[in-house]
Amino acid sequence: MLITELNSMELSIRIIRILHDIFAPKMIMHGVLVEVFGIGILLTGESGVGKSETALSLIERGHRLVADDVVEIHCLNGSLLMGQGTNKVIGHHMEIRGLGIINVTHLFGVGAIRDKKQIQLVIQIEDWDPKKVYDRIGTDELTMEILGVKIPKLEIPVKPGRNLAIIIETAAMNERLKKMGYHSAREFNQNILRWLESESARTMFFSRDDY
């Protein structure tokens, strides 16, 4: 016999939510899930590329860790991806090569962690390939499909001297602007096209004798 202080409607809603979480499609991915400026970012890449070290830099800058190394992803309502750690025993521990296992909660406090977070952006960290052409403007919008849901994706190459933490912070803020309807790269591209069609552009590239 089930006894509760909740009314029938509230109880039904809570049970439905629990059942949705239990039976929602799910998968396991290798990566690190962090929350940066309120945006859930899944860091992916080959083992040893520096995902955990990058996440540690973000935590030190005031952002939060959700899961390190292995992320369990649930698809809710067919359109929302929720990520969390796979093992509560391991909790919010991180493996840092050369340092070993660290407890993020003990080192940085409970404000540096959270149990789950919606995945809103995927950032693939990869070794710099001089033969590969990387997007330098931002008009090429890549996506990654996870459990049938397409998530915006960025490819960030690793190179000595690059501050990945700052780059990822900027990516998070830029993603927030996009969700608010402002797209910096598109605006820049439109401004360039308008300028190319202007009289000042024609004057710069052609002398008046050419008309």
C-alpha atoms as a PDB file:
ATOM      1  CA  MET A   1       0.000   0.000   0.000  1.00  0.00           C
ATOM      2  CA  LEU A   2       1.362   3.396  -1.030  1.00  0.00           C
ATOM      3  CA  ILE A   3       0.787   6.305   1.342  1.00  0.00           C
ATOM      4  CA  THR A   4       1.810   9.850   0.423  1.00  0.00           C
ATOM      5  CA  GLU A   5       0.980  13.421   1.373  1.00  0.00           C
ATOM      6  CA  LEU A   6       0.910  14.392  -2.315  1.00  0.00           C
ATOM      7  CA  ASN A   7      -2.375  14.696  -4.146  1.00  0.00           C
ATOM      8  CA  SER A   8      -3.106  12.375  -7.077  1.00  0.00           C
ATOM      9  CA  MET A   9      -2.005  14.874  -9.736  1.00  0.00           C
ATOM     10  CA  GLU A  10       1.360  15.667  -8.107  1.00  0.00           C
ATOM     11  CA  LEU A  11       2.047  11.988  -7.443  1.00  0.00           C
ATOM     12  CA  SER A  12       1.242  11.044 -11.046  1.00  0.00           C
ATOM     13  CA  ILE A  13       3.550  13.751 -12.411  1.00  0.00           C
ATOM     14  CA  ARG A  14       6.458  12.611 -10.223  1.00  0.00           C
ATOM     15  CA  ILE A  15       5.963   8.946 -11.109  1.00  0.00           C
ATOM     16  CA  ILE A  16       5.837   9.775 -14.829  1.00  0.00           C
ATOM     17  CA  ARG A  17       9.079  11.772 -14.538  1.00  0.00           C
ATOM     18  CA  ILE A  18      10.802   8.895 -12.756  1.00  0.00           C
ATOM     19  CA  LEU A  19       9.599   6.384 -15.362  1.00  0.00           C
ATOM     20  CA  HIS A  20      10.748   8.683 -18.177  1.00  0.00           C
ATOM     21  CA  ASP A  21      14.232   8.803 -16.649  1.00  0.00           C
ATOM     22  CA  ILE A  22      14.362   5.030 -16.152  1.00  0.00           C
ATOM     23  CA  PHE A  23      13.134   4.021 -19.612  1.00  0.00           C
ATOM     24  CA  ALA A  24      14.609   6.883 -21.651  1.00  0.00           C
ATOM     25  CA  PRO A  25      17.055   5.849 -24.424  1.00  0.00           C
ATOM     26  CA  LYS A  26      20.606   6.061 -23.118  1.00  0.00           C
ATOM     27  CA  MET A  27      24.203   5.469 -24.094  1.00  0.00           C
ATOM     28  CA  ILE A  28      27.712   5.753 -22.675  1.00  0.00           C
ATOM     29  CA  MET A  29      30.288   8.113 -24.205  1.00  0.00           C
ATOM     30  CA  HIS A  30      33.964   8.683 -23.531  1.00  0.00           C
ATOM     31  CA  GLY A  31      34.443  12.323 -22.640  1.00  0.00           C
ATOM     32  CA  VAL A  32      34.140  14.984 -19.963  1.00  0.00           C
ATOM     33  CA  LEU A  33      30.944  16.894 -19.209  1.00  0.00           C
ATOM     34  CA  VAL A  34      31.258  20.369 -17.702  1.00  0.00           C
ATOM     35  CA  GLU A  35      28.979  23.331 -17.121  1.00  0.00           C
ATOM     36  CA  VAL A  36      30.424  26.621 -18.352  1.00  0.00           C
ATOM     37  CA  PHE A  37      28.394  29.809 -17.894  1.00  0.00           C
ATOM     38  CA  GLY A  38      25.265  27.664 -17.650  1.00  0.00           C
ATOM     39  CA  ILE A  39      25.966  25.767 -20.895  1.00  0.00           C
ATOM     40  CA  GLY A  40      26.461  22.000 -20.697  1.00  0.00           C
ATOM     41  CA  ILE A  41      29.555  21.195 -22.771  1.00  0.00           C
ATOM     42  CA  LEU A  42      30.656  17.674 -23.661  1.00  0.00           C
ATOM     43  CA  LEU A  43      34.410  17.556 -24.284  1.00  0.00           C
ATOM     44  CA  THR A  44      35.396  14.718 -26.612  1.00  0.00           C
ATOM     45  CA  GLY A  45      38.643  13.592 -28.215  1.00  0.00           C
ATOM     46  CA  GLU A  46      41.244  10.862 -28.248  1.00  0.00           C
ATOM     47  CA  SER A  47      42.588   9.547 -24.964  1.00  0.00           C
ATOM     48  CA  GLY A  48      45.457  11.704 -23.706  1.00  0.00           C
ATOM     49  CA  VAL A  49      44.555  14.794 -25.755  1.00  0.00           C
ATOM     50  CA  GLY A  50      43.948  16.827 -22.580  1.00  0.00           C
ATOM     51  CA  LYS A  51      40.204  16.706 -21.879  1.00  0.00           C
ATOM     52  CA  SER A  52      40.529  16.237 -18.115  1.00  0.00           C
ATOM     53  CA  GLU A  53      43.290  18.844 -17.825  1.00  0.00           C
ATOM     54  CA  THR A  54      41.141  21.328 -19.743  1.00  0.00           C
ATOM     55  CA  ALA A  55      38.171  20.561 -17.487  1.00  0.00           C
ATOM     56  CA  LEU A  56      40.394  21.065 -14.436  1.00  0.00           C
ATOM     57  CA  SER A  57      41.382  24.514 -15.723  1.00  0.00           C
ATOM     58  CA  LEU A  58      37.700  25.366 -16.161  1.00  0.00           C
ATOM     59  CA  ILE A  59      36.883  24.182 -12.636  1.00  0.00           C
ATOM     60  CA  GLU A  60      39.708  26.326 -11.258  1.00  0.00           C
ATOM     61  CA  ARG A  61      38.120  29.286 -13.084  1.00  0.00           C
ATOM     62  CA  GLY A  62      34.800  28.738 -11.286  1.00  0.00           C
ATOM     63  CA  HIS A  63      32.928  26.360 -13.591  1.00  0.00           C
ATOM     64  CA  ARG A  64      31.488  22.965 -12.664  1.00  0.00           C
ATOM     65  CA  LEU A  65      32.270  19.320 -13.349  1.00  0.00           C
ATOM     66  CA  VAL A  66      29.456  16.884 -14.094  1.00  0.00           C
ATOM     67  CA  ALA A  67      31.326  13.754 -15.196  1.00  0.00           C
ATOM     68  CA  ASP A  68      34.890  12.839 -16.088  1.00  0.00           C
ATOM     69  CA  ASP A  69      36.077  10.192 -18.559  1.00  0.00           C
ATOM     70  CA  VAL A  70      32.743   8.354 -18.925  1.00  0.00           C
ATOM     71  CA  VAL A  71      29.416  10.138 -19.439  1.00  0.00           C
ATOM     72  CA  GLU A  72      26.013   8.471 -19.314  1.00  0.00           C
ATOM     73  CA  ILE A  73      23.598  10.241 -21.659  1.00  0.00           C
ATOM     74  CA  HIS A  74      19.798   9.995 -21.518  1.00  0.00           C
ATOM     75  CA  CYS A  75      17.469  11.273 -24.239  1.00  0.00           C
ATOM     76  CA  LEU A  76      14.382  12.844 -22.665  1.00  0.00           C
ATOM     77  CA  ASN A  77      11.243  13.682 -24.650  1.00  0.00           C
ATOM     78  CA  GLY A  78      13.088  12.846 -27.858  1.00  0.00           C
ATOM     79  CA  SER A  79      14.902  16.185 -27.976  1.00  0.00           C
ATOM     80  CA  LEU A  80      16.790  16.803 -24.732  1.00  0.00           C
ATOM     81  CA  LEU A  81      20.085  15.118 -23.855  1.00  0.00           C
ATOM     82  CA  MET A  82      20.876  14.852 -20.155  1.00  0.00           C
ATOM     83  CA  GLY A  83      24.364  13.803 -19.103  1.00  0.00           C
ATOM     84  CA  GLN A  84      25.626  12.450 -15.796  1.00  0.00           C
ATOM     85  CA  GLY A  85      28.304  10.244 -14.291  1.00  0.00           C
ATOM     86  CA  THR A  86      27.947   6.484 -14.564  1.00  0.00           C
ATOM     87  CA  ASN A  87      29.012   5.538 -11.052  1.00  0.00           C
ATOM     88  CA  LYS A  88      28.081   7.300  -7.811  1.00  0.00           C
ATOM     89  CA  VAL A  89      30.873   5.453  -5.978  1.00  0.00           C
ATOM     90  CA  ILE A  90      33.491   7.116  -8.171  1.00  0.00           C
ATOM     91  CA  GLY A  91      31.597  10.380  -7.875  1.00  0.00           C
ATOM     92  CA  HIS A  92      33.302  13.565  -8.985  1.00  0.00           C
ATOM     93  CA  HIS A  93      36.834  12.213  -9.104  1.00  0.00           C
ATOM     94  CA  MET A  94      39.216  13.006 -11.942  1.00  0.00           C
ATOM     95  CA  GLU A  95      42.271  11.244 -13.311  1.00  0.00           C
ATOM     96  CA  ILE A  96      45.076  13.671 -14.115  1.00  0.00           C
ATOM     97  CA  ARG A  97      48.076  12.069 -15.801  1.00  0.00           C
ATOM     98  CA  GLY A  98      51.200  12.516 -13.703  1.00  0.00           C
ATOM     99  CA  LEU A  99      49.137  13.481 -10.663  1.00  0.00           C
ATOM    100  CA  GLY A 100      46.717  10.595 -10.218  1.00  0.00           C
ATOM    101  CA  ILE A 101      43.153  10.606  -8.903  1.00  0.00           C
ATOM    102  CA  ILE A 102      41.830  13.801  -7.344  1.00  0.00           C
ATOM    103  CA  ASN A 103      38.543  14.507  -5.568  1.00  0.00           C
ATOM    104  CA  VAL A 104      37.090  17.658  -7.109  1.00  0.00           C
ATOM    105  CA  THR A 105      34.554  18.118  -4.309  1.00  0.00           C
ATOM    106  CA  HIS A 106      37.223  18.084  -1.594  1.00  0.00           C
ATOM    107  CA  LEU A 107      39.638  20.310  -3.503  1.00  0.00           C
ATOM    108  CA  PHE A 108      37.247  22.929  -4.885  1.00  0.00           C
ATOM    109  CA  GLY A 109      34.068  22.527  -2.822  1.00  0.00           C
ATOM    110  CA  VAL A 110      30.521  21.439  -3.599  1.00  0.00           C
ATOM    111  CA  GLY A 111      30.039  24.513  -5.783  1.00  0.00           C
ATOM    112  CA  ALA A 112      32.434  23.005  -8.332  1.00  0.00           C
ATOM    113  CA  ILE A 113      30.232  19.998  -9.144  1.00  0.00           C
ATOM    114  CA  ARG A 114      26.730  19.049 -10.186  1.00  0.00           C
ATOM    115  CA  ASP A 115      25.090  15.657 -10.653  1.00  0.00           C
ATOM    116  CA  LYS A 116      23.601  16.093 -14.130  1.00  0.00           C
ATOM    117  CA  LYS A 117      23.351  18.663 -16.883  1.00  0.00           C
ATOM    118  CA  GLN A 118      21.718  19.073 -20.272  1.00  0.00           C
ATOM    119  CA  ILE A 119      24.230  18.693 -23.112  1.00  0.00           C
ATOM    120  CA  GLN A 120      23.976  21.790 -25.310  1.00  0.00           C
ATOM    121  CA  LEU A 121      27.352  21.864 -27.061  1.00  0.00           C
ATOM    122  CA  VAL A 122      29.976  19.306 -28.087  1.00  0.00           C
ATOM    123  CA  ILE A 123      33.607  20.402 -28.332  1.00  0.00           C
ATOM    124  CA  GLN A 124      36.019  17.970 -29.946  1.00  0.00           C
ATOM    125  CA  ILE A 125      39.598  18.549 -28.822  1.00  0.00           C
ATOM    126  CA  GLU A 126      42.167  17.214 -31.259  1.00  0.00           C
ATOM    127  CA  ASP A 127      45.869  17.472 -32.008  1.00  0.00           C
ATOM    128  CA  TRP A 128      46.691  20.278 -34.419  1.00  0.00           C
ATOM    129  CA  ASP A 129      46.817  18.965 -37.992  1.00  0.00           C
ATOM    130  CA  PRO A 130      48.659  21.404 -40.310  1.00  0.00           C
ATOM    131  CA  LYS A 131      47.047  19.726 -43.332  1.00  0.00           C
ATOM    132  CA  LYS A 132      43.499  20.222 -42.061  1.00  0.00           C
ATOM    133  CA  VAL A 133      41.532  23.368 -42.828  1.00  0.00           C
ATOM    134  CA  TYR A 134      39.889  24.655 -39.651  1.00  0.00           C
ATOM    135  CA  ASP A 135      36.934  27.030 -39.598  1.00  0.00           C
ATOM    136  CA  ARG A 136      38.279  30.537 -38.956  1.00  0.00           C
ATOM    137  CA  ILE A 137      35.060  32.540 -39.273  1.00  0.00           C
ATOM    138  CA  GLY A 138      32.378  30.390 -37.668  1.00  0.00           C
ATOM    139  CA  THR A 139      29.862  30.205 -40.496  1.00  0.00           C
ATOM    140  CA  ASP A 140      30.353  26.444 -40.894  1.00  0.00           C
ATOM    141  CA  GLU A 141      27.967  24.985 -38.333  1.00  0.00           C
ATOM    142  CA  LEU A 142      28.856  21.400 -37.467  1.00  0.00           C
ATOM    143  CA  THR A 143      26.586  19.093 -35.491  1.00  0.00           C
ATOM    144  CA  MET A 144      26.952  15.757 -33.746  1.00  0.00           C
ATOM    145  CA  GLU A 145      24.042  13.338 -33.552  1.00  0.00           C
ATOM    146  CA  ILE A 146      23.582  11.603 -30.205  1.00  0.00           C
ATOM    147  CA  LEU A 147      20.589   9.307 -29.700  1.00  0.00           C
ATOM    148  CA  GLY A 148      18.902  10.929 -32.688  1.00  0.00           C
ATOM    149  CA  VAL A 149      19.382  14.487 -31.393  1.00  0.00           C
ATOM    150  CA  LYS A 150      21.670  16.899 -33.252  1.00  0.00           C
ATOM    151  CA  ILE A 151      23.897  19.007 -31.001  1.00  0.00           C
ATOM    152  CA  PRO A 152      26.095  21.936 -32.148  1.00  0.00           C
ATOM    153  CA  LYS A 153      29.722  20.858 -32.419  1.00  0.00           C
ATOM    154  CA  LEU A 154      33.052  22.685 -32.507  1.00  0.00           C
ATOM    155  CA  GLU A 155      36.464  21.287 -33.411  1.00  0.00           C
ATOM    156  CA  ILE A 156      39.276  22.902 -31.429  1.00  0.00           C
ATOM    157  CA  PRO A 157      42.865  21.945 -32.286  1.00  0.00           C
ATOM    158  CA  VAL A 158      45.445  21.672 -29.519  1.00  0.00           C
ATOM    159  CA  LYS A 159      48.668  23.583 -30.061  1.00  0.00           C
ATOM    160  CA  PRO A 160      51.370  24.814 -27.651  1.00  0.00           C
ATOM    161  CA  GLY A 161      50.442  28.234 -26.304  1.00  0.00           C
ATOM    162  CA  ARG A 162      46.688  27.924 -26.851  1.00  0.00           C
ATOM    163  CA  ASN A 163      44.612  28.593 -23.739  1.00  0.00           C
ATOM    164  CA  LEU A 164      41.812  26.054 -24.154  1.00  0.00           C
ATOM    165  CA  ALA A 165      39.968  27.161 -21.015  1.00  0.00           C
ATOM    166  CA  ILE A 166      39.507  30.703 -22.348  1.00  0.00           C
ATOM    167  CA  ILE A 167      38.553  29.391 -25.797  1.00  0.00           C
ATOM    168  CA  ILE A 168      35.895  27.108 -24.288  1.00  0.00           C
ATOM    169  CA  GLU A 169      34.564  29.924 -22.088  1.00  0.00           C
ATOM    170  CA  THR A 170      34.222  32.077 -25.199  1.00  0.00           C
ATOM    171  CA  ALA A 171      32.503  29.215 -27.036  1.00  0.00           C
ATOM    172  CA  ALA A 172      29.998  28.888 -24.177  1.00  0.00           C
ATOM    173  CA  MET A 173      29.192  32.607 -24.184  1.00  0.00           C
ATOM    174  CA  ASN A 174      28.904  32.581 -27.978  1.00  0.00           C
ATOM    175  CA  GLU A 175      26.490  29.631 -27.783  1.00  0.00           C
ATOM    176  CA  ARG A 176      24.352  31.564 -25.302  1.00  0.00           C
ATOM    177  CA  LEU A 177      24.231  34.491 -27.731  1.00  0.00           C
ATOM    178  CA  LYS A 178      23.138  32.147 -30.533  1.00  0.00           C
ATOM    179  CA  LYS A 179      20.287  30.847 -28.385  1.00  0.00           C
ATOM    180  CA  MET A 180      19.244  34.479 -27.886  1.00  0.00           C
ATOM    181  CA  GLY A 181      19.159  34.966 -31.664  1.00  0.00           C
ATOM    182  CA  TYR A 182      22.503  36.720 -32.171  1.00  0.00           C
ATOM    183  CA  HIS A 183      25.047  35.030 -34.464  1.00  0.00           C
ATOM    184  CA  SER A 184      28.380  36.891 -34.570  1.00  0.00           C
ATOM    185  CA  ALA A 185      29.804  35.063 -37.612  1.00  0.00           C
ATOM    186  CA  ARG A 186      26.660  35.570 -39.697  1.00  0.00           C
ATOM    187  CA  GLU A 187      26.534  39.261 -38.823  1.00  0.00           C
ATOM    188  CA  PHE A 188      30.207  39.640 -39.754  1.00  0.00           C
ATOM    189  CA  ASN A 189      29.601  37.863 -43.075  1.00  0.00           C
ATOM    190  CA  GLN A 190      26.573  40.035 -43.866  1.00  0.00           C
ATOM    191  CA  ASN A 191      28.525  43.206 -43.064  1.00  0.00           C
ATOM    192  CA  ILE A 192      31.323  42.118 -45.418  1.00  0.00           C
ATOM    193  CA  LEU A 193      28.843  41.388 -48.228  1.00  0.00           C
ATOM    194  CA  ARG A 194      27.133  44.759 -47.771  1.00  0.00           C
ATOM    195  CA  TRP A 195      30.494  46.522 -47.821  1.00  0.00           C
ATOM    196  CA  LEU A 196      31.574  44.702 -51.008  1.00  0.00           C
ATOM    197  CA  GLU A 197      28.426  45.981 -52.708  1.00  0.00           C
ATOM    198  CA  SER A 198      29.021  49.534 -51.521  1.00  0.00           C
ATOM    199  CA  GLU A 199      30.511  52.452 -53.440  1.00  0.00           C
ATOM    200  CA  SER A 200      33.484  52.666 -51.070  1.00  0.00           C
ATOM    201  CA  ALA A 201      34.496  49.092 -51.901  1.00  0.00           C
ATOM    202  CA  ARG A 202      34.321  49.717 -55.645  1.00  0.00           C
ATOM    203  CA  THR A 203      36.348  52.885 -55.211  1.00  0.00           C
ATOM    204  CA  MET A 204      39.012  51.004 -53.278  1.00  0.00           C
ATOM    205  CA  PHE A 205      39.435  48.192 -55.812  1.00  0.00           C
ATOM    206  CA  PHE A 206      38.875  50.088 -59.043  1.00  0.00           C
ATOM    207  CA  SER A 207      39.924  53.520 -60.208  1.00  0.00           C
ATOM    208  CA  ARG A 208      37.229  55.839 -61.553  1.00  0.00           C
ATOM    209  CA  ASP A 209      38.719  55.449 -65.061  1.00  0.00           C
ATOM    210  CA  ASP A 210      37.656  51.797 -65.017  1.00  0.00           C
ATOM    211  CA  TYR A 211      33.926  52.639 -64.989  1.00  0.00           C
END
